Amino acid sequence: MQESPLLRTMQLLNPEEFETLALFVESPIFNEVNRFQDTVRLFTYLQEHYPHFQSPALVKNVVGKKLFPTRSKPENEVERTMAQLMHIVKQFINFRYSAVKDGRVVRGGRKTNITQDPVALLNFARQQLALMRFYSERLLQKPIDAPDVPGPARPEPTPKGKQRRVKKTEYYFQSLYQELQSVFEEEQQFSLFEEYEYSDFFYFRYLAEQEKAIYESLHEWTAKGGINNLLVASENLDRFYMLGKLDQICKLLHLQQMAIPFSEDSDEYRRLKTNQKLTIKMVKLLVKHNYHVDDPGIDIYFTLLQLLSKKTPEKTDPLADQFFTLLQQHRDLVPARRFKDFNIIVRSYWARRYRQTRDRSFLEKLFRSHQEDIEQLRRNKENIQSSHFQNTLFNAIKLGHLDWAAAFLKEFAPKISAAPEPELVADIGYAMFHFAQKQHKEAEKRLPHYFNYGASDDPTLYSLAATLDIRIRYELGNLLDPEGVNMRRATQKRIRENKLLPPDRQAGILGFYEVSLRLFRLREKLQLQQSVNCTSMRQELDDIHYLLTQKPTVDHEWLQEKCNEIRALLKKKCPKTGSK
């Protein structure tokens, strides 16, 4: 019983919702007559065990004897009553998500208030659609078994004077439609919408036009109007479909690029590529007919699809800039969650291009994007997600914006969210900052032990801390001490076996391990040995340098810096061409 869908679902209700559910249970509208008292009795019994529902008393035979002692099969009665109660819970959830916000019924009000509240707007649309269908059905679609019911009279001109207050029933539908349309037209701010609310909005726009087309087509004298509305309905259906289709295919393509969930020999990959080709063909045809010109919401997706589909940097680099500009200009045309996802896509592109080219202009674009996000967080007085904190700080430090990074740490380190241990993330951030300031001892003190950061389930945070640990130990000269060897082996093994890291990211981290260790050993030889084989060491250093040019690695700049330091040491140790 404790593992039943009923109790598991009721566990998810907050106290206010659970209290409201009691009203549903006690209402004959939602609670069927044949088991009304049984469900009320069972719900009252369960109320005592909310919210955990872990009491030993919640066993079917115990509950059956308690609630139905006079019945022949109490356990069966419990099962039947639970099924009825679950039906009521489902009705409540349906009501909660269609007509309620924050536990309160969304009531009618001024349309200016409706357009500022997505839940109220969608509830208003549902209500209008229901009323439109009601009047269409009762006024024009005559029941087959009631042939004597007179049909609607032909609409007459609107009376003048005081009589205008009397609205004929035949005009109710048109009034409802016009009112709903005005609300739809006024809504231009979608940043407050949830993902499903955004989809519902465009779906309801289509349904409103479809209802109008059906209603008009039933009037012989307005058949042409019905045809016109059918065209409008079709156009709204196109927009609803395009926004949903393009969003899904773009997300799939991005995830395939980043995480490669579908191997190239899989059926899923073949289906994805087929879907991609068909979508691109459709979009090309729509672009040819300027479908996107007056619709920035569609234009954003058309640009994103091209960015994710084109292969050459000459085409994708300007597309990324164009996409980012469109986002900033029309950020209110998409839900806030989708806007963040879009930013992640374009940032991941810039980060990937930087790894390929080492062109700092891509990092500067990332930094400007991060700055705008930080300003938005300040305006909204919001916390910052752990991954966003890491990326923003790491990029600012890499660009050398240390004053900005210091202010950022001071302001946002106490505001880290979406992390089991925010303090751990903050400590790693401060260690990164101290390391950038060449305060290696301070960085060592602030960086958590690898046992501690190893407890993190975030592969990005873990790899960031591990590579920083390597760099700190390199600078302090203890990378090959027993503690350093154990740390390096443990973290390297975990990164190699991690299935969540993107393959290119994983390869870059493992490449860093290889190069940093080779550089450390080379430096040790130069510093500790009186005489060295200069030719051999030059060749080793050249091999490492060549590896860095051919194989992308994380912390590439730092590795290059260490290469240059060793080359300077080598020149002192082996002047001109002298060698042993």
Protein backbone atom coordinates (compact mmCIF):
# COMPACT_ATOMS: atom_id res chain seq x y z
CA MET A 1 0.00 0.00 0.00
CA GLN A 2 2.85 2.37 0.85
CA GLU A 3 4.30 1.86 -2.64
CA SER A 4 0.95 2.33 -4.41
CA PRO A 5 0.54 5.06 -7.06
CA LEU A 6 -2.08 6.66 -4.82
CA LEU A 7 0.21 7.26 -1.84
CA ARG A 8 3.23 8.04 -3.98
CA THR A 9 1.20 10.69 -5.82
CA MET A 10 -0.23 12.16 -2.64
CA GLN A 11 3.30 12.45 -1.25
CA LEU A 12 4.09 14.92 -4.03
CA LEU A 13 1.31 17.32 -3.01
CA ASN A 14 2.29 20.28 -0.87
CA PRO A 15 0.23 20.96 2.31
CA GLU A 16 -2.01 23.56 0.66
CA GLU A 17 -2.75 21.24 -2.26
CA PHE A 18 -3.44 18.34 0.09
CA GLU A 19 -5.90 20.51 2.00
CA THR A 20 -7.64 21.48 -1.25
CA LEU A 21 -7.80 17.82 -2.27
CA ALA A 22 -9.97 17.20 0.79
CA LEU A 23 -12.62 19.49 -0.71
CA PHE A 24 -12.64 17.38 -3.87
CA VAL A 25 -13.06 14.17 -1.87
CA GLU A 26 -16.00 15.65 0.01
CA SER A 27 -17.70 16.96 -3.15
CA PRO A 28 -20.34 14.77 -4.87
CA ILE A 29 -19.31 16.42 -8.14
CA PHE A 30 -15.96 14.59 -8.10
CA ASN A 31 -16.73 11.70 -5.76
CA GLU A 32 -19.08 9.03 -7.12
CA VAL A 33 -22.17 8.25 -5.07
CA ASN A 34 -21.68 4.49 -4.82
CA ARG A 35 -18.44 4.84 -2.83
CA PHE A 36 -18.76 8.35 -1.50
CA GLN A 37 -18.58 7.49 2.20
CA ASP A 38 -15.84 4.88 1.66
CA THR A 39 -13.51 7.32 -0.07
CA VAL A 40 -14.15 10.03 2.52
CA ARG A 41 -13.38 7.51 5.28
CA LEU A 42 -10.18 6.32 3.58
CA PHE A 43 -8.95 9.84 2.86
CA THR A 44 -9.61 10.90 6.46
CA TYR A 45 -7.57 7.89 7.60
CA LEU A 46 -4.70 8.75 5.24
CA GLN A 47 -4.65 12.39 6.33
CA GLU A 48 -3.17 11.31 9.65
CA HIS A 49 -0.13 9.87 7.87
CA TYR A 50 0.60 12.72 5.42
CA PRO A 51 3.19 13.54 4.08
CA HIS A 52 5.44 10.48 4.56
CA PHE A 53 2.88 7.64 4.54
CA GLN A 54 5.39 5.27 6.16
CA SER A 55 3.36 4.10 9.14
CA PRO A 56 3.06 0.33 9.79
CA ALA A 57 -0.68 0.96 9.94
CA LEU A 58 -0.71 1.52 6.17
CA VAL A 59 -1.12 -2.13 5.25
CA LYS A 60 -4.21 -3.28 3.37
CA ASN A 61 -5.36 -5.87 5.87
CA VAL A 62 -4.88 -3.45 8.79
CA VAL A 63 -6.67 -0.63 6.97
CA GLY A 64 -9.44 -3.02 5.87
CA LYS A 65 -10.15 -4.18 9.41
CA LYS A 66 -10.09 -0.60 10.64
CA LEU A 67 -12.36 0.95 7.99
CA PHE A 68 -14.52 -1.96 6.81
CA PRO A 69 -14.78 -4.40 9.74
CA THR A 70 -18.25 -5.68 8.82
CA ARG A 71 -17.52 -6.50 5.17
CA SER A 72 -16.67 -9.98 3.97
CA LYS A 73 -13.43 -9.04 2.14
CA PRO A 74 -12.01 -5.89 3.74
CA GLU A 75 -8.79 -5.94 1.68
CA ASN A 76 -10.74 -5.95 -1.58
CA GLU A 77 -12.81 -3.05 -0.30
CA VAL A 78 -9.60 -1.12 0.39
CA GLU A 79 -8.35 -1.75 -3.15
CA ARG A 80 -11.62 -0.61 -4.72
CA THR A 81 -11.75 2.50 -2.54
CA MET A 82 -8.12 3.32 -3.33
CA ALA A 83 -8.93 3.12 -7.04
CA GLN A 84 -11.84 5.53 -6.58
CA LEU A 85 -9.71 7.88 -4.51
CA MET A 86 -6.98 7.80 -7.16
CA HIS A 87 -9.59 8.82 -9.73
CA ILE A 88 -10.41 11.86 -7.58
CA VAL A 89 -6.70 12.69 -7.21
CA LYS A 90 -6.33 12.63 -11.00
CA GLN A 91 -9.25 15.03 -11.38
CA PHE A 92 -7.69 17.31 -8.79
CA ILE A 93 -4.33 17.34 -10.59
CA ASN A 94 -6.09 18.09 -13.87
CA PHE A 95 -7.89 20.98 -12.19
CA ARG A 96 -4.68 22.12 -10.49
CA TYR A 97 -2.78 22.40 -13.75
CA SER A 98 -5.56 23.90 -15.84
CA ALA A 99 -7.20 26.41 -13.53
CA VAL A 100 -5.00 26.95 -10.48
CA LYS A 101 -1.84 28.84 -9.69
CA ASP A 102 -0.11 28.68 -6.31
CA GLY A 103 -3.05 26.74 -4.89
CA ARG A 104 -5.67 29.35 -5.81
CA VAL A 105 -8.32 29.29 -8.50
CA VAL A 106 -7.48 31.65 -11.33
CA ARG A 107 -10.57 33.80 -11.55
CA GLY A 108 -11.73 36.10 -14.28
CA GLY A 109 -10.38 39.61 -14.24
CA ARG A 110 -9.16 42.43 -16.38
CA LYS A 111 -7.51 41.26 -19.58
CA THR A 112 -4.49 43.42 -18.74
CA ASN A 113 -3.92 41.20 -15.72
CA ILE A 114 -4.48 38.05 -17.76
CA THR A 115 -1.72 38.90 -20.23
CA GLN A 116 0.74 39.25 -17.35
CA ASP A 117 -0.02 35.79 -16.00
CA PRO A 118 0.51 32.77 -18.32
CA VAL A 119 -1.60 30.44 -16.18
CA ALA A 120 -4.49 32.91 -16.05
CA LEU A 121 -4.24 33.52 -19.80
CA LEU A 122 -4.34 29.83 -20.67
CA ASN A 123 -7.18 29.20 -18.25
CA PHE A 124 -9.08 32.07 -19.86
CA ALA A 125 -8.43 30.53 -23.29
CA ARG A 126 -9.71 27.14 -22.12
CA GLN A 127 -12.83 28.78 -20.74
CA GLN A 128 -13.47 30.75 -23.93
CA LEU A 129 -12.95 27.66 -26.10
CA ALA A 130 -15.34 25.63 -23.95
CA LEU A 131 -18.00 28.33 -24.22
CA MET A 132 -17.45 28.71 -27.97
CA ARG A 133 -17.93 24.97 -28.44
CA PHE A 134 -21.03 25.04 -26.23
CA TYR A 135 -22.74 27.80 -28.23
CA SER A 136 -21.66 26.31 -31.56
CA GLU A 137 -23.10 22.94 -30.59
CA ARG A 138 -26.36 24.21 -29.08
CA LEU A 139 -27.11 26.90 -31.65
CA LEU A 140 -26.05 25.32 -34.93
CA GLN A 141 -25.46 21.60 -34.54
CA LYS A 142 -29.03 20.36 -34.01
CA PRO A 143 -29.34 17.02 -32.19
CA ILE A 144 -30.57 14.19 -34.46
CA ASP A 145 -33.23 13.06 -31.99
CA ALA A 146 -34.76 16.56 -31.67
CA PRO A 147 -35.80 17.57 -35.20
CA ASP A 148 -38.42 19.99 -33.92
CA VAL A 149 -35.90 22.24 -32.23
CA PRO A 150 -35.85 25.40 -34.32
CA GLY A 151 -32.54 26.42 -35.83
CA PRO A 152 -30.97 29.81 -35.26
CA ALA A 153 -32.53 32.83 -36.87
CA ARG A 154 -30.63 34.73 -39.50
CA PRO A 155 -28.53 37.39 -37.71
CA GLU A 156 -30.21 40.80 -37.81
CA PRO A 157 -28.56 44.22 -37.85
CA THR A 158 -27.49 45.42 -34.44
CA PRO A 159 -30.34 47.44 -32.84
CA LYS A 160 -29.75 51.04 -31.88
CA GLY A 161 -30.31 52.89 -28.66
CA LYS A 162 -30.98 51.13 -25.37
CA GLN A 163 -31.81 47.89 -27.16
CA ARG A 164 -28.09 47.42 -27.93
CA ARG A 165 -27.65 46.17 -24.38
CA VAL A 166 -29.65 43.08 -25.28
CA LYS A 167 -27.22 40.69 -26.95
CA LYS A 168 -28.80 37.92 -28.96
CA THR A 169 -27.64 34.41 -28.23
CA GLU A 170 -26.40 34.06 -31.80
CA TYR A 171 -23.85 36.80 -31.14
CA TYR A 172 -22.35 35.13 -28.06
CA PHE A 173 -19.96 33.03 -30.10
CA GLN A 174 -18.58 35.98 -32.06
CA SER A 175 -18.14 38.00 -28.89
CA LEU A 176 -16.22 35.16 -27.21
CA TYR A 177 -14.01 34.72 -30.27
CA GLN A 178 -13.17 38.42 -30.54
CA GLU A 179 -12.41 38.66 -26.84
CA LEU A 180 -10.07 35.67 -27.00
CA GLN A 181 -8.36 36.99 -30.13
CA SER A 182 -7.68 40.34 -28.48
CA VAL A 183 -5.98 38.57 -25.57
CA PHE A 184 -3.87 36.46 -27.94
CA GLU A 185 -2.82 39.53 -29.93
CA GLU A 186 -1.84 41.49 -26.83
CA GLU A 187 0.44 38.74 -25.49
CA GLN A 188 4.01 39.45 -26.60
CA GLN A 189 5.94 38.58 -23.43
CA PHE A 190 6.67 34.86 -23.31
CA SER A 191 9.64 34.94 -20.93
CA LEU A 192 7.30 34.21 -18.00
CA PHE A 193 5.85 31.12 -19.70
CA GLU A 194 6.80 27.57 -18.84
CA GLU A 195 7.69 25.30 -21.75
CA TYR A 196 4.29 23.55 -21.80
CA GLU A 197 2.47 26.87 -21.41
CA TYR A 198 4.29 28.24 -24.45
CA SER A 199 3.21 25.26 -26.55
CA ASP A 200 -0.34 25.45 -25.20
CA PHE A 201 -0.59 29.13 -26.16
CA PHE A 202 0.00 28.47 -29.87
CA TYR A 203 -2.11 25.32 -29.78
CA PHE A 204 -5.04 27.29 -28.35
CA ARG A 205 -4.61 29.95 -31.03
CA TYR A 206 -5.06 27.22 -33.60
CA LEU A 207 -8.08 25.74 -31.78
CA ALA A 208 -9.77 29.14 -31.59
CA GLU A 209 -9.51 29.58 -35.36
CA GLN A 210 -10.67 26.02 -35.95
CA GLU A 211 -13.75 26.57 -33.76
CA LYS A 212 -14.48 29.76 -35.69
CA ALA A 213 -14.14 27.93 -39.02
CA ILE A 214 -16.51 25.16 -37.90
CA TYR A 215 -19.04 27.66 -36.55
CA GLU A 216 -18.99 29.82 -39.68
CA SER A 217 -19.25 26.84 -42.01
CA LEU A 218 -22.55 25.82 -40.38
CA HIS A 219 -24.19 29.09 -41.50
CA GLU A 220 -25.27 28.86 -45.12
CA TRP A 221 -24.95 32.62 -45.50
CA THR A 222 -21.44 32.72 -44.01
CA ALA A 223 -19.90 29.69 -45.67
CA LYS A 224 -17.23 31.88 -47.23
CA GLY A 225 -16.34 33.14 -43.78
CA GLY A 226 -15.90 29.56 -42.68
CA ILE A 227 -13.52 28.91 -45.58
CA ASN A 228 -11.51 32.02 -44.72
CA ASN A 229 -11.22 30.94 -41.10
CA LEU A 230 -10.21 27.47 -42.20
CA LEU A 231 -7.24 29.07 -43.97
CA VAL A 232 -6.36 31.07 -40.85
CA ALA A 233 -6.69 27.91 -38.74
CA SER A 234 -4.33 26.08 -41.09
CA GLU A 235 -1.77 28.90 -40.81
CA ASN A 236 -1.94 28.83 -37.02
CA LEU A 237 -1.55 25.06 -37.07
CA ASP A 238 1.58 25.54 -39.20
CA ARG A 239 3.07 27.93 -36.64
CA PHE A 240 2.27 25.66 -33.70
CA TYR A 241 3.84 22.74 -35.54
CA MET A 242 6.92 24.67 -36.68
CA LEU A 243 7.76 26.02 -33.22
CA GLY A 244 7.48 22.56 -31.66
CA LYS A 245 9.21 20.70 -34.48
CA LEU A 246 12.15 23.07 -34.81
CA ASP A 247 12.70 23.21 -31.05
CA GLN A 248 12.87 19.43 -30.78
CA ILE A 249 15.10 18.82 -33.82
CA CYS A 250 17.51 21.57 -32.71
CA LYS A 251 17.79 20.10 -29.22
CA LEU A 252 18.40 16.64 -30.68
CA LEU A 253 21.15 17.91 -33.00
CA HIS A 254 22.84 19.83 -30.18
CA LEU A 255 22.77 16.83 -27.83
CA GLN A 256 24.09 14.58 -30.58
CA GLN A 257 27.02 16.95 -31.09
CA MET A 258 27.77 17.30 -27.38
CA ALA A 259 27.13 13.85 -25.91
CA ILE A 260 26.70 11.54 -28.95
CA PRO A 261 23.81 9.50 -27.44
CA PHE A 262 23.30 7.70 -30.78
CA SER A 263 26.21 5.84 -32.35
CA GLU A 264 26.54 6.26 -36.10
CA ASP A 265 25.67 2.61 -36.75
CA SER A 266 22.43 2.75 -34.71
CA ASP A 267 18.88 2.88 -36.01
CA GLU A 268 18.23 5.99 -33.87
CA TYR A 269 21.08 7.84 -35.58
CA ARG A 270 19.73 6.93 -39.02
CA ARG A 271 16.26 8.17 -38.03
CA LEU A 272 17.71 11.38 -36.64
CA LYS A 273 19.64 12.12 -39.83
CA THR A 274 16.57 11.39 -41.96
CA ASN A 275 14.49 13.70 -39.77
CA GLN A 276 17.17 16.37 -40.00
CA LYS A 277 17.33 16.20 -43.81
CA LEU A 278 13.56 16.42 -44.19
CA THR A 279 13.34 19.35 -41.76
CA ILE A 280 16.12 21.22 -43.55
CA LYS A 281 14.40 20.74 -46.91
CA MET A 282 11.17 22.06 -45.43
CA VAL A 283 12.92 25.08 -43.91
CA LYS A 284 14.74 25.91 -47.15
CA LEU A 285 11.42 25.97 -48.99
CA LEU A 286 9.87 28.19 -46.30
CA VAL A 287 12.84 30.57 -46.43
CA LYS A 288 12.45 30.76 -50.20
CA HIS A 289 8.91 32.06 -49.62
CA ASN A 290 10.06 34.46 -46.82
CA TYR A 291 8.03 32.60 -44.19
CA HIS A 292 10.33 33.83 -41.42
CA VAL A 293 10.74 37.47 -42.44
CA ASP A 294 7.99 38.95 -40.25
CA ASP A 295 8.22 36.35 -37.49
CA PRO A 296 11.33 36.68 -35.27
CA GLY A 297 10.28 33.62 -33.25
CA ILE A 298 10.54 31.45 -36.35
CA ASP A 299 13.65 33.30 -37.58
CA ILE A 300 15.48 32.36 -34.37
CA TYR A 301 14.87 28.68 -35.06
CA PHE A 302 15.73 28.89 -38.75
CA THR A 303 19.09 30.45 -37.82
CA LEU A 304 19.75 27.89 -35.09
CA LEU A 305 18.98 24.97 -37.38
CA GLN A 306 21.47 26.29 -39.93
CA LEU A 307 24.08 26.75 -37.20
CA LEU A 308 23.67 23.15 -36.07
CA SER A 309 23.62 21.75 -39.61
CA LYS A 310 26.37 23.61 -41.47
CA LYS A 311 29.86 22.14 -41.34
CA THR A 312 32.36 24.83 -42.37
CA PRO A 313 33.44 27.55 -39.88
CA GLU A 314 33.16 30.17 -42.64
CA LYS A 315 29.39 29.62 -42.53
CA THR A 316 28.82 28.70 -38.87
CA ASP A 317 30.82 31.53 -37.24
CA PRO A 318 28.62 34.34 -38.66
CA LEU A 319 25.51 32.22 -38.01
CA ALA A 320 26.48 31.94 -34.32
CA ASP A 321 26.86 35.73 -34.10
CA GLN A 322 23.55 36.24 -35.92
CA PHE A 323 21.79 33.77 -33.62
CA PHE A 324 23.15 35.46 -30.49
CA THR A 325 22.06 38.88 -31.77
CA LEU A 326 18.54 37.59 -32.49
CA LEU A 327 18.36 36.16 -28.98
CA GLN A 328 19.28 39.45 -27.36
CA GLN A 329 16.82 41.39 -29.52
CA HIS A 330 13.90 39.03 -28.99
CA ARG A 331 14.55 37.37 -25.63
CA ASP A 332 10.91 37.92 -24.58
CA LEU A 333 9.60 35.86 -27.50
CA VAL A 334 10.63 32.57 -25.88
CA PRO A 335 10.26 31.14 -22.35
CA ALA A 336 13.11 32.00 -19.97
CA ARG A 337 14.11 28.33 -19.74
CA ARG A 338 14.34 28.07 -23.53
CA PHE A 339 16.33 31.31 -23.69
CA LYS A 340 18.88 29.80 -21.29
CA ASP A 341 19.06 26.63 -23.38
CA PHE A 342 19.68 28.70 -26.51
CA ASN A 343 22.50 30.56 -24.77
CA ILE A 344 24.05 27.27 -23.72
CA ILE A 345 24.00 26.09 -27.34
CA VAL A 346 25.73 29.18 -28.72
CA ARG A 347 28.24 29.26 -25.85
CA SER A 348 29.14 25.63 -26.36
CA TYR A 349 29.75 26.47 -30.02
CA TRP A 350 32.11 29.33 -29.13
CA ALA A 351 33.91 27.17 -26.57
CA ARG A 352 34.36 24.41 -29.16
CA ARG A 353 35.64 26.88 -31.74
CA TYR A 354 38.12 28.26 -29.22
CA ARG A 355 39.48 24.77 -28.55
CA GLN A 356 39.87 24.29 -32.29
CA THR A 357 41.48 27.65 -33.10
CA ARG A 358 42.78 29.15 -29.81
CA ASP A 359 41.30 32.42 -31.07
CA ARG A 360 40.61 34.55 -27.97
CA SER A 361 37.81 36.40 -29.74
CA PHE A 362 35.58 33.38 -29.08
CA LEU A 363 36.36 33.64 -25.36
CA GLU A 364 35.53 37.35 -25.44
CA LYS A 365 32.14 36.54 -26.96
CA LEU A 366 31.57 34.01 -24.20
CA PHE A 367 32.53 36.58 -21.59
CA ARG A 368 30.13 39.21 -22.98
CA SER A 369 27.36 36.64 -22.95
CA HIS A 370 28.15 35.72 -19.34
CA GLN A 371 28.18 39.39 -18.34
CA GLU A 372 24.69 39.90 -19.73
CA ASP A 373 23.45 36.87 -17.82
CA ILE A 374 24.99 38.14 -14.59
CA GLU A 375 23.28 41.50 -15.04
CA GLN A 376 19.98 39.68 -15.55
CA LEU A 377 20.55 37.67 -12.35
CA ARG A 378 21.21 40.90 -10.47
CA ARG A 379 18.05 42.53 -11.80
CA ASN A 380 15.96 39.50 -10.88
CA LYS A 381 17.81 38.98 -7.58
CA GLU A 382 18.31 35.32 -8.46
CA ASN A 383 20.90 32.77 -7.40
CA ILE A 384 23.34 31.28 -9.90
CA GLN A 385 23.46 27.63 -10.93
CA SER A 386 26.65 25.75 -10.16
CA SER A 387 27.53 25.03 -13.79
CA HIS A 388 26.93 28.66 -14.77
CA PHE A 389 29.12 29.83 -11.88
CA GLN A 390 31.96 27.52 -12.95
CA ASN A 391 31.86 28.49 -16.62
CA THR A 392 31.61 32.22 -15.95
CA LEU A 393 34.48 32.29 -13.45
CA PHE A 394 36.73 29.97 -15.45
CA ASN A 395 36.31 32.03 -18.62
CA ALA A 396 36.93 35.36 -16.86
CA ILE A 397 40.11 34.00 -15.29
CA LYS A 398 41.33 32.56 -18.57
CA LEU A 399 40.92 35.99 -20.19
CA GLY A 400 42.80 37.64 -17.32
CA HIS A 401 39.82 39.67 -16.04
CA LEU A 402 40.90 39.08 -12.44
CA ASP A 403 39.34 42.21 -10.92
CA TRP A 404 35.99 41.25 -12.44
CA ALA A 405 36.47 37.66 -11.25
CA ALA A 406 37.20 38.84 -7.69
CA ALA A 407 34.00 40.92 -7.59
CA PHE A 408 32.04 38.05 -9.13
CA LEU A 409 33.32 35.60 -6.50
CA LYS A 410 32.48 37.95 -3.65
CA GLU A 411 28.93 38.51 -4.90
CA PHE A 412 27.92 35.09 -6.21
CA ALA A 413 29.93 32.49 -4.27
CA PRO A 414 27.30 32.68 -1.46
CA LYS A 415 24.48 32.37 -4.04
CA ILE A 416 25.37 29.09 -5.75
CA SER A 417 22.36 26.83 -6.38
CA ALA A 418 21.65 23.48 -8.06
CA ALA A 419 24.57 21.86 -6.24
CA PRO A 420 24.50 19.39 -3.30
CA GLU A 421 27.47 21.20 -1.70
CA PRO A 422 27.61 24.86 -2.78
CA GLU A 423 30.56 25.46 -0.42
CA LEU A 424 32.61 22.88 -2.34
CA VAL A 425 31.96 24.70 -5.62
CA ALA A 426 32.87 28.05 -4.01
CA ASP A 427 36.12 26.66 -2.56
CA ILE A 428 37.18 25.31 -5.95
CA GLY A 429 36.36 28.70 -7.46
CA TYR A 430 38.50 30.55 -4.92
CA ALA A 431 41.34 28.05 -5.47
CA MET A 432 41.17 28.78 -9.22
CA PHE A 433 41.32 32.51 -8.50
CA HIS A 434 44.34 32.22 -6.17
CA PHE A 435 46.13 30.06 -8.73
CA ALA A 436 45.55 32.69 -11.43
CA GLN A 437 47.16 35.25 -9.10
CA LYS A 438 50.22 32.96 -8.77
CA GLN A 439 49.32 32.38 -5.11
CA HIS A 440 49.97 28.66 -5.33
CA LYS A 441 50.16 28.02 -1.58
CA GLU A 442 46.85 29.81 -1.05
CA ALA A 443 45.33 27.81 -3.89
CA GLU A 444 46.53 24.58 -2.30
CA LYS A 445 44.97 25.54 1.04
CA ARG A 446 41.63 26.50 -0.51
CA LEU A 447 41.27 23.55 -2.89
CA PRO A 448 39.39 20.69 -1.18
CA HIS A 449 41.20 17.35 -0.87
CA TYR A 450 40.60 15.02 -3.80
CA PHE A 451 38.66 12.72 -1.47
CA ASN A 452 36.23 15.61 -0.91
CA TYR A 453 35.81 16.92 -4.44
CA GLY A 454 35.75 13.28 -5.54
CA ALA A 455 32.39 12.95 -3.80
CA SER A 456 30.83 15.27 -6.40
CA ASP A 457 28.55 13.71 -9.02
CA ASP A 458 29.19 16.64 -11.37
CA PRO A 459 31.78 15.37 -13.90
CA THR A 460 32.61 18.90 -15.08
CA LEU A 461 33.27 20.18 -11.55
CA TYR A 462 35.28 17.06 -10.73
CA SER A 463 37.50 17.34 -13.82
CA LEU A 464 37.95 21.08 -13.22
CA ALA A 465 39.14 20.44 -9.66
CA ALA A 466 41.36 17.52 -10.69
CA THR A 467 43.20 19.44 -13.42
CA LEU A 468 43.61 22.40 -11.04
CA ASP A 469 45.02 19.98 -8.46
CA ILE A 470 47.57 18.79 -11.04
CA ARG A 471 48.61 22.36 -11.86
CA ILE A 472 48.99 23.34 -8.21
CA ARG A 473 51.13 20.28 -7.46
CA TYR A 474 53.21 20.98 -10.57
CA GLU A 475 53.94 24.54 -9.44
CA LEU A 476 54.74 23.42 -5.88
CA GLY A 477 56.96 20.61 -7.14
CA ASN A 478 55.12 17.73 -5.44
CA LEU A 479 53.32 16.15 -8.39
CA LEU A 480 55.34 12.93 -8.03
CA ASP A 481 55.19 12.77 -4.23
CA PRO A 482 53.21 9.74 -2.94
CA GLU A 483 50.15 11.92 -2.28
CA GLY A 484 50.42 13.49 -5.72
CA VAL A 485 50.81 10.12 -7.45
CA ASN A 486 47.76 8.71 -5.65
CA MET A 487 45.69 11.79 -6.53
CA ARG A 488 46.72 11.67 -10.18
CA ARG A 489 46.02 7.96 -10.57
CA ALA A 490 42.65 8.10 -8.79
CA THR A 491 41.34 11.13 -10.67
CA GLN A 492 42.70 9.98 -14.03
CA LYS A 493 41.04 6.58 -13.64
CA ARG A 494 37.69 8.13 -12.75
CA ILE A 495 37.80 10.55 -15.68
CA ARG A 496 38.77 7.76 -18.09
CA GLU A 497 35.82 5.64 -16.93
CA ASN A 498 33.28 8.48 -16.83
CA LYS A 499 30.46 7.98 -19.34
CA LEU A 500 28.87 11.42 -18.90
CA LEU A 501 31.73 13.56 -20.18
CA PRO A 502 31.57 14.41 -23.90
CA PRO A 503 34.24 12.36 -25.73
CA ASP A 504 36.21 15.41 -26.93
CA ARG A 505 36.20 16.88 -23.43
CA GLN A 506 37.33 13.57 -21.94
CA ALA A 507 40.14 13.26 -24.51
CA GLY A 508 41.26 16.82 -23.75
CA ILE A 509 41.49 16.12 -20.02
CA LEU A 510 43.39 12.85 -20.47
CA GLY A 511 45.72 14.63 -22.90
CA PHE A 512 46.36 17.24 -20.22
CA TYR A 513 47.33 14.51 -17.74
CA GLU A 514 49.81 13.04 -20.21
CA VAL A 515 51.46 16.33 -21.19
CA SER A 516 51.64 17.80 -17.67
CA LEU A 517 53.37 14.67 -16.36
CA ARG A 518 55.90 14.65 -19.21
CA LEU A 519 56.65 18.34 -18.67
CA PHE A 520 57.08 17.85 -14.93
CA ARG A 521 59.56 15.01 -15.41
CA LEU A 522 61.46 17.05 -17.99
CA ARG A 523 61.68 19.99 -15.61
CA GLU A 524 62.81 17.69 -12.80
CA LYS A 525 65.70 16.42 -14.93
CA LEU A 526 66.81 19.93 -15.82
CA GLN A 527 66.63 21.17 -12.23
CA LEU A 528 68.10 18.16 -10.42
CA GLN A 529 70.68 16.67 -12.79
CA GLN A 530 74.08 18.32 -13.23
CA SER A 531 74.45 17.18 -16.83
CA VAL A 532 71.72 16.26 -19.29
CA ASN A 533 71.43 14.94 -22.82
CA CYS A 534 70.47 18.23 -24.44
CA THR A 535 69.64 16.74 -27.83
CA SER A 536 67.32 14.19 -26.27
CA MET A 537 65.62 16.82 -24.10
CA ARG A 538 65.13 19.19 -27.01
CA GLN A 539 63.56 16.37 -28.98
CA GLU A 540 61.29 15.52 -26.04
CA LEU A 541 60.21 19.15 -25.73
CA ASP A 542 59.61 19.41 -29.48
CA ASP A 543 57.50 16.25 -29.33
CA ILE A 544 55.40 17.73 -26.53
CA HIS A 545 55.00 21.01 -28.40
CA TYR A 546 53.92 19.15 -31.53
CA LEU A 547 51.44 17.12 -29.48
CA LEU A 548 49.88 20.34 -28.17
CA THR A 549 49.42 21.65 -31.71
CA GLN A 550 47.82 18.43 -32.94
CA LYS A 551 45.81 17.22 -29.97
CA PRO A 552 43.34 19.53 -28.16
CA THR A 553 43.92 19.59 -24.41
CA VAL A 554 42.28 21.46 -21.56
CA ASP A 555 44.33 24.27 -19.95
CA HIS A 556 46.24 24.53 -23.22
CA GLU A 557 47.62 28.01 -22.43
CA TRP A 558 49.10 26.89 -19.13
CA LEU A 559 50.77 23.89 -20.78
CA GLN A 560 52.25 26.17 -23.46
CA GLU A 561 53.52 28.47 -20.73
CA LYS A 562 55.25 25.53 -19.01
CA CYS A 563 56.75 24.46 -22.35
CA ASN A 564 58.25 27.93 -22.77
CA GLU A 565 59.64 27.92 -19.22
CA ILE A 566 61.36 24.58 -19.81
CA ARG A 567 62.72 25.79 -23.14
CA ALA A 568 64.27 28.77 -21.34
CA LEU A 569 65.79 26.44 -18.73
CA LEU A 570 67.11 24.22 -21.49
CA LYS A 571 68.81 27.18 -23.21
CA LYS A 572 70.60 28.02 -19.97
CA LYS A 573 71.57 24.42 -19.38
CA CYS A 574 72.59 23.76 -22.97
CA PRO A 575 73.84 27.01 -24.57
CA LYS A 576 74.18 27.06 -28.36
CA THR A 577 74.43 23.49 -29.68
CA GLY A 578 76.36 21.91 -26.86
CA SER A 579 75.06 18.54 -25.78
CA LYS A 580 76.14 15.43 -24.01
